[in-house]
């Protein structure tokens, strides 16, 4: 409940359905599935004993649920035009998984956990020659498995956070509201998201950030003293 209330307030967009159900299931080949209005999660990802379950178990329940609720906006309310932009769904869900878990449960210091597990993981994977741009140029039906690589989650969310800290949270929130409102019940792609941020800042987000999404790897700086 707290997570959904946060999204409605932060994005300034009411949840458009009359209710949101979260159902625990025994068998699912993913940790959660963000069906619109009916989220499915593995029992071990949604149920816990407050007196017996470990902190790690409670953290897992929290961040998986926060992630799947984020998809009600990023993926369900607005859906990507094709799998080449699937990072939009998973990157934003992962971004809010990190940031909102840290806000709702500050005692866990989740921002430090995510620094180690997600930022570092993205840098590591993206350093290999067989890495790929998270804005994928083209995919046919037989190539779709590549888009579900952990890189689109971790690098995507890291780049979103980079934009937020660069343009400031106010412009970031306004950009998200415009993006979701402009494309609600419809489809969007990476350029639509970047254009939305450019409406509320003079920092030329699209010009600067496009290459981060469309080219694999990352810049390497060498500093000599």
C-alpha atoms as a PDB file:
ATOM      1  CA  UNK A   1       0.000   0.000   0.000  1.00  0.00           C
ATOM      2  CA  UNK A   2       2.779   2.433   0.886  1.00  0.00           C
ATOM      3  CA  UNK A   3       4.546   1.722  -2.396  1.00  0.00           C
ATOM      4  CA  UNK A   4       1.482   2.370  -4.544  1.00  0.00           C
ATOM      5  CA  UNK A   5       0.703   5.554  -2.609  1.00  0.00           C
ATOM      6  CA  UNK A   6       4.272   6.716  -3.200  1.00  0.00           C
ATOM      7  CA  UNK A   7       4.041   6.156  -6.953  1.00  0.00           C
ATOM      8  CA  UNK A   8       0.767   8.056  -7.173  1.00  0.00           C
ATOM      9  CA  UNK A   9       2.236  10.996  -5.274  1.00  0.00           C
ATOM     10  CA  UNK A  10       5.682  11.023  -6.884  1.00  0.00           C
ATOM     11  CA  UNK A  11       4.430  10.637 -10.462  1.00  0.00           C
ATOM     12  CA  UNK A  12       1.306  12.770  -9.861  1.00  0.00           C
ATOM     13  CA  UNK A  13      -0.754  10.131 -11.660  1.00  0.00           C
ATOM     14  CA  UNK A  14      -3.519   8.181  -9.953  1.00  0.00           C
ATOM     15  CA  UNK A  15      -3.559   4.425 -10.344  1.00  0.00           C
ATOM     16  CA  UNK A  16      -6.118   4.046 -13.155  1.00  0.00           C
ATOM     17  CA  UNK A  17      -7.647   0.731 -12.068  1.00  0.00           C
ATOM     18  CA  UNK A  18     -10.197   0.299  -9.255  1.00  0.00           C
ATOM     19  CA  UNK A  19      -7.865  -2.045  -7.352  1.00  0.00           C
ATOM     20  CA  UNK A  20      -4.516  -3.825  -7.456  1.00  0.00           C
ATOM     21  CA  UNK A  21      -4.278  -7.472  -6.386  1.00  0.00           C
ATOM     22  CA  UNK A  22      -1.055  -9.304  -5.533  1.00  0.00           C
ATOM     23  CA  UNK A  23      -1.369 -13.086  -5.590  1.00  0.00           C
ATOM     24  CA  UNK A  24       1.145 -15.568  -4.175  1.00  0.00           C
ATOM     25  CA  UNK A  25       1.636 -18.622  -6.396  1.00  0.00           C
ATOM     26  CA  UNK A  26       3.648 -21.792  -5.858  1.00  0.00           C
ATOM     27  CA  UNK A  27       5.108 -22.136  -9.324  1.00  0.00           C
ATOM     28  CA  UNK A  28       6.349 -19.349 -11.588  1.00  0.00           C
ATOM     29  CA  UNK A  29       9.415 -19.282 -13.824  1.00  0.00           C
ATOM     30  CA  UNK A  30      10.218 -15.693 -12.810  1.00  0.00           C
ATOM     31  CA  UNK A  31      10.247 -13.989  -9.422  1.00  0.00           C
ATOM     32  CA  UNK A  32       7.168 -11.935 -10.310  1.00  0.00           C
ATOM     33  CA  UNK A  33       4.879 -11.069 -13.201  1.00  0.00           C
ATOM     34  CA  UNK A  34       3.432  -7.577 -13.489  1.00  0.00           C
ATOM     35  CA  UNK A  35       0.031  -8.255 -15.067  1.00  0.00           C
ATOM     36  CA  UNK A  36      -1.936  -5.029 -14.987  1.00  0.00           C
ATOM     37  CA  UNK A  37      -3.987  -5.017 -11.816  1.00  0.00           C
ATOM     38  CA  UNK A  38      -3.026  -8.611 -10.937  1.00  0.00           C
ATOM     39  CA  UNK A  39       0.591  -9.123  -9.908  1.00  0.00           C
ATOM     40  CA  UNK A  40       1.766 -12.708  -9.482  1.00  0.00           C
ATOM     41  CA  UNK A  41       4.708 -13.514  -7.214  1.00  0.00           C
ATOM     42  CA  UNK A  42       6.328 -16.720  -6.019  1.00  0.00           C
ATOM     43  CA  UNK A  43       5.220 -17.489  -2.447  1.00  0.00           C
ATOM     44  CA  UNK A  44       8.732 -17.005  -1.096  1.00  0.00           C
ATOM     45  CA  UNK A  45       8.855 -13.537  -2.682  1.00  0.00           C
ATOM     46  CA  UNK A  46       5.654 -12.238  -1.086  1.00  0.00           C
ATOM     47  CA  UNK A  47       4.983 -14.192   2.133  1.00  0.00           C
ATOM     48  CA  UNK A  48       7.076 -14.061   5.288  1.00  0.00           C
ATOM     49  CA  UNK A  49       6.797 -14.512   9.046  1.00  0.00           C
ATOM     50  CA  UNK A  50       7.479 -11.225  10.795  1.00  0.00           C
ATOM     51  CA  UNK A  51       8.740 -13.052  13.890  1.00  0.00           C
ATOM     52  CA  UNK A  52      10.885 -15.703  12.216  1.00  0.00           C
ATOM     53  CA  UNK A  53      11.893 -14.570   8.732  1.00  0.00           C
ATOM     54  CA  UNK A  54      15.378 -13.160   8.240  1.00  0.00           C
ATOM     55  CA  UNK A  55      16.089  -9.578   7.249  1.00  0.00           C
ATOM     56  CA  UNK A  56      17.236 -10.877   3.865  1.00  0.00           C
ATOM     57  CA  UNK A  57      13.849 -12.533   3.279  1.00  0.00           C
ATOM     58  CA  UNK A  58      11.967  -9.370   4.227  1.00  0.00           C
ATOM     59  CA  UNK A  59      14.192  -7.314   1.944  1.00  0.00           C
ATOM     60  CA  UNK A  60      13.469  -9.660  -0.952  1.00  0.00           C
ATOM     61  CA  UNK A  61       9.715  -9.421  -0.374  1.00  0.00           C
ATOM     62  CA  UNK A  62       9.928  -5.624  -0.258  1.00  0.00           C
ATOM     63  CA  UNK A  63      12.035  -4.972  -3.333  1.00  0.00           C
ATOM     64  CA  UNK A  64      10.328  -7.554  -5.533  1.00  0.00           C
ATOM     65  CA  UNK A  65       6.906  -6.113  -4.681  1.00  0.00           C
ATOM     66  CA  UNK A  66       8.099  -2.533  -5.201  1.00  0.00           C
ATOM     67  CA  UNK A  67       9.578  -3.569  -8.566  1.00  0.00           C
ATOM     68  CA  UNK A  68       6.378  -5.214  -9.779  1.00  0.00           C
ATOM     69  CA  UNK A  69       4.178  -2.310  -8.671  1.00  0.00           C
ATOM     70  CA  UNK A  70       6.431   0.071 -10.623  1.00  0.00           C
ATOM     71  CA  UNK A  71       5.573  -1.938 -13.730  1.00  0.00           C
ATOM     72  CA  UNK A  72       1.937  -0.910 -13.333  1.00  0.00           C
ATOM     73  CA  UNK A  73       3.113   2.446 -14.688  1.00  0.00           C
ATOM     74  CA  UNK A  74       6.268   1.511 -16.593  1.00  0.00           C
ATOM     75  CA  UNK A  75       5.251  -1.387 -18.793  1.00  0.00           C
ATOM     76  CA  UNK A  76       1.488  -1.503 -18.288  1.00  0.00           C
ATOM     77  CA  UNK A  77       0.195   2.080 -18.409  1.00  0.00           C
ATOM     78  CA  UNK A  78       2.880   2.834 -21.005  1.00  0.00           C
ATOM     79  CA  UNK A  79       4.289  -0.071 -23.009  1.00  0.00           C
ATOM     80  CA  UNK A  80       7.343  -0.146 -25.248  1.00  0.00           C
ATOM     81  CA  UNK A  81       6.827  -0.111 -29.012  1.00  0.00           C
ATOM     82  CA  UNK A  82       8.989  -3.206 -29.432  1.00  0.00           C
ATOM     83  CA  UNK A  83      11.400  -5.405 -27.484  1.00  0.00           C
ATOM     84  CA  UNK A  84      14.296  -3.192 -28.585  1.00  0.00           C
ATOM     85  CA  UNK A  85      13.223  -0.712 -25.886  1.00  0.00           C
ATOM     86  CA  UNK A  86      12.315  -3.212 -23.177  1.00  0.00           C
ATOM     87  CA  UNK A  87      14.938  -1.563 -20.969  1.00  0.00           C
ATOM     88  CA  UNK A  88      12.385   1.233 -20.412  1.00  0.00           C
ATOM     89  CA  UNK A  89      10.161  -1.185 -18.521  1.00  0.00           C
ATOM     90  CA  UNK A  90      12.878  -2.934 -16.550  1.00  0.00           C
ATOM     91  CA  UNK A  91      15.206   0.019 -16.051  1.00  0.00           C
ATOM     92  CA  UNK A  92      12.536   2.175 -14.412  1.00  0.00           C
ATOM     93  CA  UNK A  93      11.215  -0.722 -12.325  1.00  0.00           C
ATOM     94  CA  UNK A  94      14.745  -1.422 -11.113  1.00  0.00           C
ATOM     95  CA  UNK A  95      15.372   2.274 -10.450  1.00  0.00           C
ATOM     96  CA  UNK A  96      12.320   2.540  -8.207  1.00  0.00           C
ATOM     97  CA  UNK A  97      13.080  -0.834  -6.635  1.00  0.00           C
ATOM     98  CA  UNK A  98      16.349   0.648  -5.409  1.00  0.00           C
ATOM     99  CA  UNK A  99      15.240   4.150  -4.525  1.00  0.00           C
ATOM    100  CA  UNK A 100      11.871   3.340  -2.946  1.00  0.00           C
ATOM    101  CA  UNK A 101      13.177   0.419  -0.892  1.00  0.00           C
ATOM    102  CA  UNK A 102      15.761   2.802   0.558  1.00  0.00           C
ATOM    103  CA  UNK A 103      13.050   5.390   1.311  1.00  0.00           C
ATOM    104  CA  UNK A 104      10.505   3.036   2.897  1.00  0.00           C
ATOM    105  CA  UNK A 105      13.069   0.986   4.834  1.00  0.00           C
ATOM    106  CA  UNK A 106      15.982   3.318   5.653  1.00  0.00           C
ATOM    107  CA  UNK A 107      17.240   0.981   8.382  1.00  0.00           C
ATOM    108  CA  UNK A 108      18.352  -1.509   5.710  1.00  0.00           C
ATOM    109  CA  UNK A 109      20.653   1.002   3.982  1.00  0.00           C
ATOM    110  CA  UNK A 110      19.589  -0.542   0.707  1.00  0.00           C
ATOM    111  CA  UNK A 111      21.340   2.141  -1.315  1.00  0.00           C
ATOM    112  CA  UNK A 112      24.663   0.659  -0.178  1.00  0.00           C
ATOM    113  CA  UNK A 113      23.569  -2.865  -1.052  1.00  0.00           C
ATOM    114  CA  UNK A 114      22.465  -1.778  -4.513  1.00  0.00           C
ATOM    115  CA  UNK A 115      25.740   0.073  -5.041  1.00  0.00           C
ATOM    116  CA  UNK A 116      27.616  -3.177  -4.670  1.00  0.00           C
ATOM    117  CA  UNK A 117      25.151  -5.542  -6.339  1.00  0.00           C
ATOM    118  CA  UNK A 118      23.800  -3.448  -9.204  1.00  0.00           C
ATOM    119  CA  UNK A 119      26.131  -0.594 -10.160  1.00  0.00           C
ATOM    120  CA  UNK A 120      29.207  -2.792  -9.948  1.00  0.00           C
ATOM    121  CA  UNK A 121      27.464  -5.634 -11.759  1.00  0.00           C
ATOM    122  CA  UNK A 122      26.466  -3.344 -14.628  1.00  0.00           C
ATOM    123  CA  UNK A 123      30.014  -2.046 -15.013  1.00  0.00           C
ATOM    124  CA  UNK A 124      31.415  -5.563 -14.929  1.00  0.00           C
ATOM    125  CA  UNK A 125      29.053  -7.017 -17.551  1.00  0.00           C
ATOM    126  CA  UNK A 126      29.332  -3.962 -19.801  1.00  0.00           C
ATOM    127  CA  UNK A 127      33.126  -4.233 -19.876  1.00  0.00           C
ATOM    128  CA  UNK A 128      33.123  -7.386 -22.026  1.00  0.00           C
ATOM    129  CA  UNK A 129      33.353  -7.348 -25.811  1.00  0.00           C
ATOM    130  CA  UNK A 130      30.126  -9.327 -26.120  1.00  0.00           C
ATOM    131  CA  UNK A 131      28.155  -6.694 -24.235  1.00  0.00           C
ATOM    132  CA  UNK A 132      25.381  -4.860 -26.069  1.00  0.00           C
ATOM    133  CA  UNK A 133      23.611  -1.501 -26.095  1.00  0.00           C
ATOM    134  CA  UNK A 134      20.494  -1.555 -23.910  1.00  0.00           C
ATOM    135  CA  UNK A 135      18.654   0.312 -26.681  1.00  0.00           C
ATOM    136  CA  UNK A 136      18.939  -2.586 -29.102  1.00  0.00           C
ATOM    137  CA  UNK A 137      19.003  -1.651 -32.785  1.00  0.00           C
ATOM    138  CA  UNK A 138      16.948  -4.531 -34.100  1.00  0.00           C
ATOM    139  CA  UNK A 139      15.481  -7.794 -32.876  1.00  0.00           C
ATOM    140  CA  UNK A 140      13.592 -10.479 -34.689  1.00  0.00           C
ATOM    141  CA  UNK A 141      11.381 -13.023 -32.997  1.00  0.00           C
ATOM    142  CA  UNK A 142      14.183 -15.559 -32.479  1.00  0.00           C
ATOM    143  CA  UNK A 143      16.528 -13.077 -30.765  1.00  0.00           C
ATOM    144  CA  UNK A 144      14.306 -11.872 -27.941  1.00  0.00           C
ATOM    145  CA  UNK A 145      16.040 -13.775 -25.149  1.00  0.00           C
ATOM    146  CA  UNK A 146      18.941 -11.302 -25.215  1.00  0.00           C
ATOM    147  CA  UNK A 147      16.745  -8.433 -24.043  1.00  0.00           C
ATOM    148  CA  UNK A 148      16.121 -10.071 -20.681  1.00  0.00           C
ATOM    149  CA  UNK A 149      19.795  -9.981 -19.723  1.00  0.00           C
ATOM    150  CA  UNK A 150      20.503  -8.493 -16.288  1.00  0.00           C
ATOM    151  CA  UNK A 151      22.371  -5.649 -18.017  1.00  0.00           C
ATOM    152  CA  UNK A 152      19.175  -3.914 -19.110  1.00  0.00           C
ATOM    153  CA  UNK A 153      18.022  -3.868 -15.487  1.00  0.00           C
ATOM    154  CA  UNK A 154      21.204  -2.689 -13.834  1.00  0.00           C
ATOM    155  CA  UNK A 155      22.637  -0.400 -16.510  1.00  0.00           C
ATOM    156  CA  UNK A 156      19.191   0.951 -17.372  1.00  0.00           C
ATOM    157  CA  UNK A 157      18.416   1.890 -13.774  1.00  0.00           C
ATOM    158  CA  UNK A 158      21.882   3.363 -13.279  1.00  0.00           C
ATOM    159  CA  UNK A 159      21.510   5.628 -16.319  1.00  0.00           C
ATOM    160  CA  UNK A 160      18.081   6.739 -15.119  1.00  0.00           C
ATOM    161  CA  UNK A 161      19.569   7.664 -11.764  1.00  0.00           C
ATOM    162  CA  UNK A 162      22.343   9.533 -13.567  1.00  0.00           C
ATOM    163  CA  UNK A 163      19.716  11.613 -15.383  1.00  0.00           C
ATOM    164  CA  UNK A 164      17.833  12.282 -12.142  1.00  0.00           C
ATOM    165  CA  UNK A 165      20.918  13.553 -10.343  1.00  0.00           C
ATOM    166  CA  UNK A 166      22.048  15.578 -13.352  1.00  0.00           C
ATOM    167  CA  UNK A 167      18.831  17.483 -14.091  1.00  0.00           C
ATOM    168  CA  UNK A 168      17.489  17.511 -10.526  1.00  0.00           C
ATOM    169  CA  UNK A 169      14.528  15.693  -9.015  1.00  0.00           C
ATOM    170  CA  UNK A 170      11.950  18.378  -9.859  1.00  0.00           C
ATOM    171  CA  UNK A 171      12.661  18.294 -13.606  1.00  0.00           C
ATOM    172  CA  UNK A 172      12.958  14.510 -13.402  1.00  0.00           C
ATOM    173  CA  UNK A 173       9.501  14.125 -11.845  1.00  0.00           C
ATOM    174  CA  UNK A 174       7.927  16.535 -14.317  1.00  0.00           C
ATOM    175  CA  UNK A 175       9.532  14.624 -17.170  1.00  0.00           C
ATOM    176  CA  UNK A 176       8.186  11.314 -15.901  1.00  0.00           C
ATOM    177  CA  UNK A 177       4.707  12.769 -15.478  1.00  0.00           C
ATOM    178  CA  UNK A 178       4.753  14.124 -19.030  1.00  0.00           C
ATOM    179  CA  UNK A 179       6.120  10.861 -20.441  1.00  0.00           C
ATOM    180  CA  UNK A 180       3.485   8.723 -18.719  1.00  0.00           C
ATOM    181  CA  UNK A 181       0.629  11.135 -19.441  1.00  0.00           C
ATOM    182  CA  UNK A 182       1.598  11.686 -23.075  1.00  0.00           C
ATOM    183  CA  UNK A 183       1.911   7.974 -23.831  1.00  0.00           C
ATOM    184  CA  UNK A 184      -0.624   6.416 -21.446  1.00  0.00           C
ATOM    185  CA  UNK A 185      -2.527   3.451 -22.900  1.00  0.00           C
ATOM    186  CA  UNK A 186      -0.060   3.573 -25.775  1.00  0.00           C
ATOM    187  CA  UNK A 187       3.530   2.831 -26.733  1.00  0.00           C
ATOM    188  CA  UNK A 188       6.827   4.665 -26.341  1.00  0.00           C
ATOM    189  CA  UNK A 189      10.526   4.317 -27.092  1.00  0.00           C
ATOM    190  CA  UNK A 190      13.777   5.677 -25.698  1.00  0.00           C
ATOM    191  CA  UNK A 191      13.661   8.976 -27.582  1.00  0.00           C
ATOM    192  CA  UNK A 192      10.176   9.681 -26.202  1.00  0.00           C
ATOM    193  CA  UNK A 193      11.524   9.414 -22.677  1.00  0.00           C
ATOM    194  CA  UNK A 194      14.511  11.664 -23.405  1.00  0.00           C
ATOM    195  CA  UNK A 195      12.286  14.223 -25.157  1.00  0.00           C
ATOM    196  CA  UNK A 196      10.078  14.338 -22.061  1.00  0.00           C
ATOM    197  CA  UNK A 197      12.999  15.319 -19.837  1.00  0.00           C
ATOM    198  CA  UNK A 198      14.151  17.954 -22.336  1.00  0.00           C
ATOM    199  CA  UNK A 199      10.838  19.789 -21.919  1.00  0.00           C
ATOM    200  CA  UNK A 200      11.766  20.666 -18.334  1.00  0.00           C
ATOM    201  CA  UNK A 201      15.496  21.347 -18.495  1.00  0.00           C
ATOM    202  CA  UNK A 202      17.957  23.180 -20.729  1.00  0.00           C
ATOM    203  CA  UNK A 203      20.661  20.541 -20.388  1.00  0.00           C
ATOM    204  CA  UNK A 204      19.995  18.817 -23.731  1.00  0.00           C
ATOM    205  CA  UNK A 205      19.313  15.430 -22.189  1.00  0.00           C
ATOM    206  CA  UNK A 206      18.622  13.715 -25.498  1.00  0.00           C
ATOM    207  CA  UNK A 207      21.842  14.906 -27.135  1.00  0.00           C
ATOM    208  CA  UNK A 208      23.980  13.921 -24.166  1.00  0.00           C
ATOM    209  CA  UNK A 209      22.340  10.658 -23.110  1.00  0.00           C
ATOM    210  CA  UNK A 210      21.410   9.014 -26.415  1.00  0.00           C
ATOM    211  CA  UNK A 211      24.821   7.416 -26.859  1.00  0.00           C
ATOM    212  CA  UNK A 212      24.727   5.959 -23.355  1.00  0.00           C
ATOM    213  CA  UNK A 213      21.663   3.954 -24.341  1.00  0.00           C
ATOM    214  CA  UNK A 214      22.526   3.221 -27.965  1.00  0.00           C
ATOM    215  CA  UNK A 215      26.208   2.241 -27.667  1.00  0.00           C
ATOM    216  CA  UNK A 216      27.596  -0.611 -25.584  1.00  0.00           C
ATOM    217  CA  UNK A 217      30.252  -0.078 -22.943  1.00  0.00           C
ATOM    218  CA  UNK A 218      31.092   3.123 -21.108  1.00  0.00           C
ATOM    219  CA  UNK A 219      33.792   5.835 -21.197  1.00  0.00           C
ATOM    220  CA  UNK A 220      37.083   5.099 -19.495  1.00  0.00           C
ATOM    221  CA  UNK A 221      38.981   7.974 -17.921  1.00  0.00           C
ATOM    222  CA  UNK A 222      42.660   7.755 -17.049  1.00  0.00           C
ATOM    223  CA  UNK A 223      43.929  10.212 -14.469  1.00  0.00           C
ATOM    224  CA  UNK A 224      47.657  10.772 -14.044  1.00  0.00           C
ATOM    225  CA  UNK A 225      49.240  12.597 -11.126  1.00  0.00           C
END
